[in-house]
Protein backbone atom coordinates (compact mmCIF):
# COMPACT_ATOMS: atom_id res chain seq x y z
CA MET A 1 -48.92 19.70 -114.22
CA ALA A 2 -48.57 16.26 -112.89
CA VAL A 3 -51.41 15.13 -110.84
CA ALA A 4 -52.50 11.89 -108.52
CA ALA A 5 -54.66 9.41 -109.88
CA VAL A 6 -58.04 9.87 -107.49
CA PRO A 7 -61.08 10.82 -108.16
CA ASP A 8 -61.48 14.76 -108.55
CA TYR A 9 -63.61 15.06 -105.30
CA LEU A 10 -60.61 14.53 -102.99
CA GLY A 11 -58.50 17.76 -104.29
CA LYS A 12 -55.16 17.84 -105.58
CA ASP A 13 -54.04 19.30 -101.74
CA PHE A 14 -51.88 15.85 -100.01
CA SER A 15 -49.84 17.69 -97.97
CA THR A 16 -51.92 17.21 -94.64
CA ALA A 17 -51.37 13.32 -95.29
CA SER A 18 -48.52 10.82 -94.55
CA PRO A 19 -45.63 10.22 -96.64
CA GLY A 20 -47.00 6.63 -97.22
CA LEU A 21 -50.10 7.28 -98.78
CA ARG A 22 -48.06 10.11 -101.29
CA PHE A 23 -45.70 8.15 -102.06
CA GLY A 24 -48.74 5.13 -102.88
CA LEU A 25 -52.28 6.76 -103.69
CA TYR A 26 -51.75 9.82 -103.82
CA LEU A 27 -48.55 10.00 -105.54
CA GLN A 28 -48.34 13.05 -108.12
CA VAL A 29 -46.63 11.39 -111.26
CA TRP A 30 -49.29 11.43 -113.71
CA SER A 31 -49.98 13.64 -116.54
CA ALA A 32 -54.01 14.26 -117.88
CA ARG A 33 -53.83 10.96 -119.62
CA PHE A 34 -52.35 9.24 -116.93
CA GLY A 35 -49.29 8.79 -118.25
CA LYS A 36 -46.71 8.82 -116.45
CA GLU A 37 -44.54 12.24 -116.05
CA THR A 38 -40.56 12.54 -117.35
CA ASN A 39 -39.75 14.47 -113.74
CA LYS A 40 -40.25 11.84 -111.22
CA VAL A 41 -37.89 13.92 -108.82
CA GLU A 42 -40.02 16.48 -107.25
CA PRO A 43 -42.95 14.17 -107.10
CA LEU A 44 -40.95 11.72 -104.86
CA GLN A 45 -39.71 14.90 -103.51
CA ARG A 46 -43.17 16.43 -102.23
CA ALA A 47 -44.27 12.92 -101.18
CA GLY A 48 -41.03 12.47 -99.05
CA LYS A 49 -41.78 16.18 -97.00
CA LEU A 50 -42.95 15.37 -93.11
CA ASN A 51 -45.56 17.42 -92.54
CA ASP A 52 -46.14 18.69 -88.75
CA ASN A 53 -48.46 15.83 -87.86
CA ASP A 54 -46.23 12.93 -89.62
CA LYS A 55 -42.65 14.00 -86.81
CA ARG A 56 -45.15 14.45 -83.56
CA VAL A 57 -46.50 10.80 -84.77
CA MET A 58 -42.56 10.13 -85.38
CA ALA A 59 -41.39 11.04 -81.98
CA ALA A 60 -44.41 9.64 -80.49
CA LEU A 61 -43.72 6.05 -82.10
CA ALA A 62 -40.40 6.72 -80.79
CA ALA A 63 -41.28 7.75 -77.11
CA ARG A 64 -44.11 4.73 -76.75
CA GLN A 65 -41.38 2.09 -77.99
CA GLN A 66 -39.08 3.24 -75.60
CA ALA A 67 -41.88 3.24 -72.53
CA GLY A 68 -42.76 -0.29 -73.84
CA PHE A 69 -39.33 -1.69 -73.76
CA GLU A 70 -38.68 0.03 -70.53
CA ALA A 71 -41.95 -1.70 -68.86
CA ILE A 72 -40.70 -4.78 -70.16
CA ALA A 73 -36.92 -4.44 -69.62
CA ASP A 74 -35.01 -6.77 -67.89
CA SER A 75 -31.38 -6.25 -68.34
CA ALA A 76 -30.26 -9.89 -68.47
CA TYR A 77 -32.58 -10.60 -71.03
CA THR A 78 -33.43 -7.26 -73.37
CA LEU A 79 -30.61 -5.51 -75.54
CA GLN A 80 -31.23 -2.02 -76.96
CA LEU A 81 -29.15 0.27 -79.54
CA ASP A 82 -29.26 3.45 -80.20
CA THR A 83 -27.47 4.28 -83.79
CA LEU A 84 -26.93 7.21 -86.25
CA ALA A 85 -26.91 6.53 -89.80
CA THR A 86 -23.75 7.53 -91.50
CA ALA A 87 -24.80 7.16 -95.34
CA PRO A 88 -28.64 6.73 -97.00
CA PHE A 89 -30.88 4.00 -96.11
CA THR A 90 -33.65 2.54 -98.14
CA THR A 91 -35.86 -0.30 -97.82
CA GLY A 92 -39.43 -2.26 -99.74
CA LEU A 93 -37.43 -1.25 -102.81
CA GLY A 94 -38.87 -4.89 -104.23
CA ASN A 95 -42.16 -3.53 -103.22
CA ALA A 96 -44.85 -2.87 -105.94
CA HIS A 97 -44.68 1.10 -107.20
CA PRO A 98 -45.25 3.19 -110.36
CA LEU A 99 -41.77 4.07 -110.48
CA GLU A 100 -40.39 0.72 -110.21
CA ASN A 101 -38.80 1.09 -107.36
CA GLY A 102 -40.79 0.39 -103.87
CA PHE A 103 -40.69 1.95 -100.28
CA ALA A 104 -41.17 0.49 -97.35
CA PHE A 105 -44.34 2.35 -94.92
CA LEU A 106 -45.50 1.11 -91.69
CA ASN A 107 -49.36 1.11 -92.01
CA PRO A 108 -51.19 2.78 -90.92
CA TYR A 109 -48.98 5.70 -89.51
CA GLY A 110 -46.90 5.94 -93.54
CA LEU A 111 -43.88 6.30 -92.12
CA PRO A 112 -40.57 4.50 -92.67
CA TYR A 113 -39.58 1.89 -90.99
CA LEU A 114 -37.21 -1.31 -90.63
CA PRO A 115 -38.98 -4.63 -89.77
CA GLY A 116 -37.86 -6.56 -86.58
CA SER A 117 -37.46 -9.66 -89.78
CA GLY A 118 -35.02 -7.28 -91.65
CA VAL A 119 -32.86 -6.91 -88.74
CA LYS A 120 -33.25 -10.48 -87.45
CA GLY A 121 -31.95 -11.34 -91.31
CA ILE A 122 -29.11 -9.03 -91.11
CA LEU A 123 -27.83 -10.16 -87.37
CA ARG A 124 -28.33 -14.10 -88.84
CA GLN A 125 -25.90 -13.30 -91.67
CA ALA A 126 -23.39 -11.60 -89.12
CA ALA A 127 -23.45 -14.42 -86.78
CA ARG A 128 -22.64 -16.84 -90.26
CA GLU A 129 -20.05 -14.70 -90.94
CA LEU A 130 -18.53 -14.62 -87.31
CA ALA A 131 -19.22 -18.54 -86.68
CA SER A 132 -17.36 -19.47 -90.11
CA GLY A 133 -13.98 -17.59 -88.84
CA ASP A 134 -13.38 -16.15 -91.78
CA TRP A 135 -13.19 -12.76 -90.32
CA GLY A 136 -11.24 -13.78 -87.50
CA GLU A 137 -12.60 -14.36 -83.75
CA HIS A 138 -15.74 -16.20 -83.63
CA ALA A 139 -17.01 -13.84 -80.40
CA GLY A 140 -18.76 -16.99 -79.37
CA TRP A 141 -21.11 -18.22 -82.40
CA SER A 142 -21.62 -21.08 -83.99
CA ASN A 143 -23.88 -23.33 -86.12
CA ASP A 144 -25.87 -24.27 -82.05
CA VAL A 145 -25.57 -21.17 -81.09
CA ILE A 146 -27.14 -19.68 -83.88
CA ALA A 147 -29.73 -21.95 -83.96
CA ALA A 148 -30.99 -21.11 -80.31
CA LEU A 149 -30.81 -17.69 -80.69
CA PHE A 150 -32.54 -17.06 -83.97
CA GLY A 151 -33.69 -20.76 -84.37
CA SER A 152 -34.21 -23.44 -87.02
CA GLU A 153 -35.64 -24.70 -89.86
CA ASP A 154 -33.92 -28.31 -89.58
CA ASP A 155 -36.59 -31.19 -90.89
CA LYS A 156 -34.92 -33.75 -87.85
CA ARG A 157 -34.86 -30.82 -85.03
CA PRO A 158 -37.11 -27.40 -86.18
CA LEU A 159 -36.41 -24.77 -83.45
CA ARG A 160 -37.39 -21.69 -82.33
CA GLY A 161 -34.84 -19.02 -81.59
CA ALA A 162 -35.10 -17.31 -78.35
CA LEU A 163 -34.65 -13.57 -79.85
CA THR A 164 -37.21 -11.32 -81.09
CA PHE A 165 -36.83 -8.32 -83.09
CA TRP A 166 -38.72 -4.90 -82.93
CA ASP A 167 -39.39 -2.90 -85.67
CA VAL A 168 -37.26 -0.23 -86.06
CA ILE A 169 -38.63 3.62 -86.57
CA PRO A 170 -36.08 6.05 -88.00
CA GLN A 171 -36.68 9.26 -86.55
CA ILE A 172 -35.60 11.15 -89.60
CA LYS A 173 -33.03 14.02 -89.63
CA GLY A 174 -34.07 17.53 -91.48
CA GLY A 175 -37.72 16.42 -91.92
CA SER A 176 -37.91 15.13 -95.24
CA LEU A 177 -36.95 12.04 -96.55
CA THR A 178 -34.68 12.06 -99.72
CA VAL A 179 -34.32 11.37 -103.14
CA GLU A 180 -31.57 9.22 -104.60
CA ILE A 181 -30.98 8.32 -107.96
CA MET A 182 -29.38 5.30 -109.94
CA THR A 183 -28.26 4.61 -113.38
CA PRO A 184 -28.42 0.98 -114.34
CA HIS A 185 -26.17 -0.04 -117.38
CA GLN A 186 -26.41 -2.64 -119.92
CA LYS A 187 -30.03 -3.12 -119.85
CA HIS A 188 -29.32 -3.37 -123.72
CA TYR A 189 -27.64 -7.01 -122.96
CA TYR A 190 -29.43 -7.66 -119.52
CA GLN A 191 -32.60 -7.69 -119.98
CA GLU A 192 -33.38 -7.84 -123.34
CA GLY A 193 -30.32 -9.81 -124.50
CA LYS A 194 -28.25 -7.78 -126.90
CA THR A 195 -24.65 -7.90 -127.15
CA PRO A 196 -22.89 -6.02 -124.39
CA HIS A 197 -21.30 -2.87 -125.08
CA ASP A 198 -20.45 1.00 -123.72
CA ALA A 199 -23.00 2.86 -126.33
CA GLY A 200 -25.95 1.81 -123.92
CA ASN A 201 -28.71 4.56 -123.29
CA PRO A 202 -29.38 4.11 -119.22
CA ILE A 203 -32.75 5.21 -117.64
CA PRO A 204 -32.25 6.98 -114.34
CA LEU A 205 -34.40 5.23 -111.60
CA THR A 206 -35.27 8.06 -108.88
CA PHE A 207 -36.11 6.06 -105.44
CA LEU A 208 -36.48 7.13 -101.70
CA THR A 209 -34.09 7.20 -98.98
CA VAL A 210 -33.90 7.92 -95.23
CA PRO A 211 -31.11 10.86 -94.88
CA PRO A 212 -27.96 10.05 -93.22
CA ASP A 213 -27.59 11.53 -89.23
CA SER A 214 -31.46 9.88 -88.75
CA GLY A 215 -31.48 8.00 -85.49
CA PHE A 216 -32.51 3.76 -85.52
CA THR A 217 -33.34 2.57 -81.98
CA PHE A 218 -32.65 -1.48 -82.03
CA TYR A 219 -34.81 -3.80 -79.52
CA VAL A 220 -34.16 -7.05 -78.48
CA GLN A 221 -35.96 -9.56 -76.34
CA CYS A 222 -34.30 -13.00 -74.92
CA ASN A 223 -36.98 -15.24 -73.80
CA PRO A 224 -35.19 -16.93 -71.00
CA ALA A 225 -37.22 -20.03 -70.83
CA LEU A 226 -36.49 -21.14 -74.24
CA LEU A 227 -32.89 -19.50 -74.33
CA LYS A 228 -32.61 -22.38 -71.25
CA GLU A 229 -34.05 -25.52 -72.79
CA SER A 230 -31.89 -25.02 -76.38
CA ALA A 231 -28.28 -23.61 -75.04
CA PRO A 232 -28.23 -23.42 -71.02
CA ALA A 233 -24.96 -21.97 -71.30
CA LEU A 234 -25.99 -19.11 -73.46
CA ALA A 235 -28.26 -18.01 -70.48
CA ALA A 236 -25.33 -17.83 -67.77
CA ASN A 237 -23.79 -14.29 -67.30
CA GLY A 238 -25.48 -12.78 -70.20
CA GLN A 239 -23.19 -15.07 -72.66
CA TRP A 240 -26.43 -14.05 -75.65
CA LYS A 241 -25.90 -10.73 -74.73
CA ALA A 242 -22.22 -10.74 -75.31
CA CYS A 243 -22.59 -12.67 -78.86
CA LEU A 244 -25.46 -10.25 -80.29
CA GLN A 245 -23.65 -7.30 -79.05
CA ALA A 246 -20.55 -9.40 -81.75
CA ALA A 247 -23.12 -9.51 -84.09
CA PHE A 248 -24.54 -5.74 -84.03
CA GLU A 249 -20.90 -4.73 -84.33
CA HIS A 250 -20.52 -6.64 -86.89
CA ALA A 251 -23.64 -6.01 -89.02
CA LEU A 252 -22.36 -2.02 -88.33
CA GLN A 253 -19.14 -1.72 -89.76
CA TRP A 254 -19.64 -4.65 -92.56
CA LEU A 255 -22.88 -5.22 -93.65
CA GLY A 256 -25.66 -2.38 -93.38
CA PHE A 257 -29.46 -2.38 -92.84
CA GLY A 258 -31.84 -2.31 -95.26
CA ALA A 259 -31.79 -2.61 -99.54
CA LYS A 260 -28.66 -1.52 -101.87
CA THR A 261 -26.07 -2.22 -98.89
CA ALA A 262 -23.44 -3.75 -101.44
CA VAL A 263 -23.19 0.21 -102.42
CA GLY A 264 -22.72 1.40 -99.43
CA TYR A 265 -26.44 2.08 -98.13
CA GLY A 266 -27.31 1.44 -94.90
CA ALA A 267 -23.85 1.79 -92.95
CA MET A 268 -24.65 3.26 -89.32
CA GLN A 269 -22.49 3.37 -86.10
CA GLU A 270 -23.75 3.26 -82.32
CA ASP A 271 -24.69 6.55 -80.73
CA GLN A 272 -22.50 7.38 -78.55
CA GLY A 273 -23.95 10.04 -76.91
CA LYS A 274 -27.75 7.75 -76.32
CA LYS A 275 -25.98 5.20 -75.19
CA SER A 276 -24.25 7.27 -72.31
CA GLU A 277 -27.71 9.38 -71.88
CA ARG A 278 -29.55 5.98 -71.43
CA GLU A 279 -26.57 4.65 -69.44
CA ARG A 280 -26.76 7.59 -67.25
CA ARG A 281 -30.83 7.18 -66.81
CA GLN A 282 -30.51 3.46 -65.89
CA SER A 283 -27.99 4.59 -63.45
CA GLU A 284 -30.44 6.65 -61.95
CA LYS A 285 -33.35 4.50 -61.79
CA LYS A 286 -30.86 1.75 -60.03
CA GLU A 287 -30.19 4.40 -57.90
CA GLU A 288 -34.05 5.34 -57.16
CA ALA A 289 -35.04 1.71 -56.63
CA ARG A 290 -31.96 1.72 -53.64
CA ARG A 291 -32.76 4.22 -52.35
CA ALA A 292 -37.07 3.61 -51.90
CA ALA A 293 -35.64 -0.03 -50.57
CA LEU A 294 -33.83 1.63 -47.77
CA SER A 295 -35.28 2.22 -44.00
CA PRO A 296 -35.76 5.63 -42.83
CA GLU A 297 -32.96 5.35 -40.53
CA ASP A 298 -30.50 4.20 -42.95
CA LEU A 299 -31.92 6.64 -45.45
CA ALA A 300 -31.09 9.47 -43.00
CA TYR A 301 -27.66 7.99 -42.06
CA GLU A 302 -26.58 7.77 -45.66
CA GLN A 303 -27.43 11.43 -46.04
CA ASN A 304 -25.92 12.86 -42.70
CA ARG A 305 -22.76 10.15 -44.43
CA THR A 306 -22.58 12.82 -47.35
CA VAL A 307 -22.32 15.53 -44.80
CA ILE A 308 -19.83 13.94 -42.09
CA ASP A 309 -17.58 12.84 -45.52
CA ASN A 310 -17.16 16.40 -46.61
CA PHE A 311 -16.73 17.72 -43.56
CA ASN A 312 -13.50 14.94 -43.19
CA ALA A 313 -12.11 16.20 -45.97
CA VAL A 314 -12.17 19.91 -45.22
CA PHE A 315 -10.87 18.62 -42.18
CA ASP A 316 -7.73 16.62 -43.50
CA ALA A 317 -6.79 19.66 -45.97
CA ALA A 318 -6.76 22.11 -42.57
CA ARG A 319 -4.38 19.61 -40.53
CA THR A 320 -1.73 19.58 -43.31
CA GLY A 321 -1.12 23.28 -41.80
CA THR A 322 -0.68 25.05 -38.29
CA TYR A 323 -4.41 25.76 -36.63
CA GLN A 324 -5.00 29.23 -36.30
CA PRO A 325 -7.67 30.66 -34.73
CA GLY A 326 -10.29 32.31 -36.43
CA GLN A 327 -9.54 30.44 -39.50
CA GLU A 328 -11.86 29.37 -42.29
CA PHE A 329 -11.98 25.93 -40.63
CA ASP A 330 -13.80 27.43 -37.71
CA SER A 331 -16.64 28.45 -39.72
CA ARG A 332 -16.95 25.34 -40.99
CA ARG A 333 -16.45 23.61 -37.81
CA ASN A 334 -19.86 25.49 -36.56
CA THR A 335 -21.64 24.78 -39.32
CA PHE A 336 -21.16 21.43 -38.66
CA ILE A 337 -21.91 21.14 -35.25
CA GLU A 338 -25.19 22.62 -36.14
CA ALA A 339 -25.74 20.33 -38.68
CA ALA A 340 -24.56 17.21 -36.31
CA THR A 341 -26.56 18.50 -33.30
CA ALA A 342 -29.73 18.19 -35.23
CA TRP A 343 -29.22 14.53 -36.29
CA GLU A 344 -31.42 11.82 -34.80
CA GLU A 345 -30.52 9.19 -36.30
CA PRO A 346 -27.55 7.22 -33.81
CA ARG A 347 -25.13 6.36 -35.90
CA SER A 348 -24.72 9.35 -37.58
CA ARG A 349 -24.53 11.56 -34.08
CA ALA A 350 -21.66 8.91 -33.08
CA GLU A 351 -19.91 9.58 -36.06
CA ALA A 352 -20.06 12.86 -35.94
CA ALA A 353 -19.20 13.20 -32.09
CA ALA A 354 -15.80 10.93 -33.12
CA LEU A 355 -14.65 13.57 -35.99
CA LEU A 356 -15.17 16.55 -33.57
CA ALA A 357 -13.37 14.74 -30.80
CA GLU A 358 -10.87 14.23 -33.85
CA THR A 359 -10.42 18.21 -34.42
CA LEU A 360 -10.83 19.27 -30.34
CA LYS A 361 -7.01 17.52 -30.35
CA TRP A 362 -6.09 19.06 -33.19
CA GLY A 363 -6.62 22.82 -32.43
CA VAL A 364 -9.51 25.27 -31.35
CA SER A 365 -10.15 28.68 -29.63
CA LYS A 366 -10.77 29.52 -26.15
CA LYS A 367 -14.66 30.47 -27.15
CA GLY A 368 -14.45 28.01 -29.71
CA LYS A 369 -13.79 24.97 -26.81
CA VAL A 370 -16.64 25.94 -25.07
CA ARG A 371 -19.27 25.00 -27.70
CA LEU A 372 -17.81 22.07 -28.96
CA LYS A 373 -17.21 20.45 -26.34
CA GLU A 374 -20.61 21.18 -25.27
CA ALA A 375 -21.66 19.83 -28.29
CA LEU A 376 -19.85 16.58 -28.19
CA ALA A 377 -21.79 16.13 -24.50
CA MET A 378 -25.21 16.73 -26.57
CA LEU A 379 -23.88 13.70 -29.42
CA LYS A 380 -22.99 11.40 -27.23
CA GLY A 381 -26.19 11.61 -24.88
CA GLU A 382 -24.76 13.30 -21.64
CA GLY A 383 -25.76 16.79 -22.25
């Protein structure tokens, strides 16, 4: 059985360690004489399995990022994009590892991540492609816009970009990383300098991936001071955000994120469900803030207006016909009278009185007329 290359006192059960530790220090892929075992899939599967603590940490990191972003979020200078992977995602394959293919884990949590620098690189490339015009519309991109948002290393005019990209913590679907296999051909030609032919013996190489349907949330901040200094036009009417959204759309559709994107890895699409939910929460927060800024009188008037509008709709529906005493409208009117006469806010009382006076003209029973006139006198301050 394969073992980890660690002292005996550490034991043999590393199921409580993070995936990063199990893939690195505790990878159980060595024979008793510390030669690599031929079966590399099972050790990687064990390394990529998330335990309960990993899942809690993964969710907590996502929640902390969201809370931190909302704490500093300015709708004019921040952008959040929720996506779902439509293909396996991998990154960090060039990191040193005994199995030749590494993987990027975020220390000290030992969980997969996409560095913010990687996000910036892909979006810069997307911006360059759009600016070239080879993909149709420029979507506002040009070399100057790229320099203003991503920075420039021009010796004559070095420039710091206005955008900051956060690391992305994938929310892994299914609770486990998956193992993929690639079989590079023509090793004898590319590495050994032999004549190319089709009788080569490719050696399968295994590597870890984040499975499809995993969630990736991108957070981007824009420094308004830098933006206004380097490209004031981009700060007007959120033009920088429109450009960046176009770059994201291009990257999602044509480029992908992470490694091996040329063969389909790292493909993603926007998560419309999360987008709608985020917009709903933002709308609720704006509404709460707006209501909190109202005076007690304005708040009471706004609440009472809802009752007035509802009864007005009932009245509009009823007066399309002929008034009949004892119909449901009389009951609805009596309920409205009880609510309106209890109000203290003067605008609400005045509008309720005007509406009830209209219903009096349309129709009321003899018994109800007395009560209605009394209510009108109360609402007008005459009773």
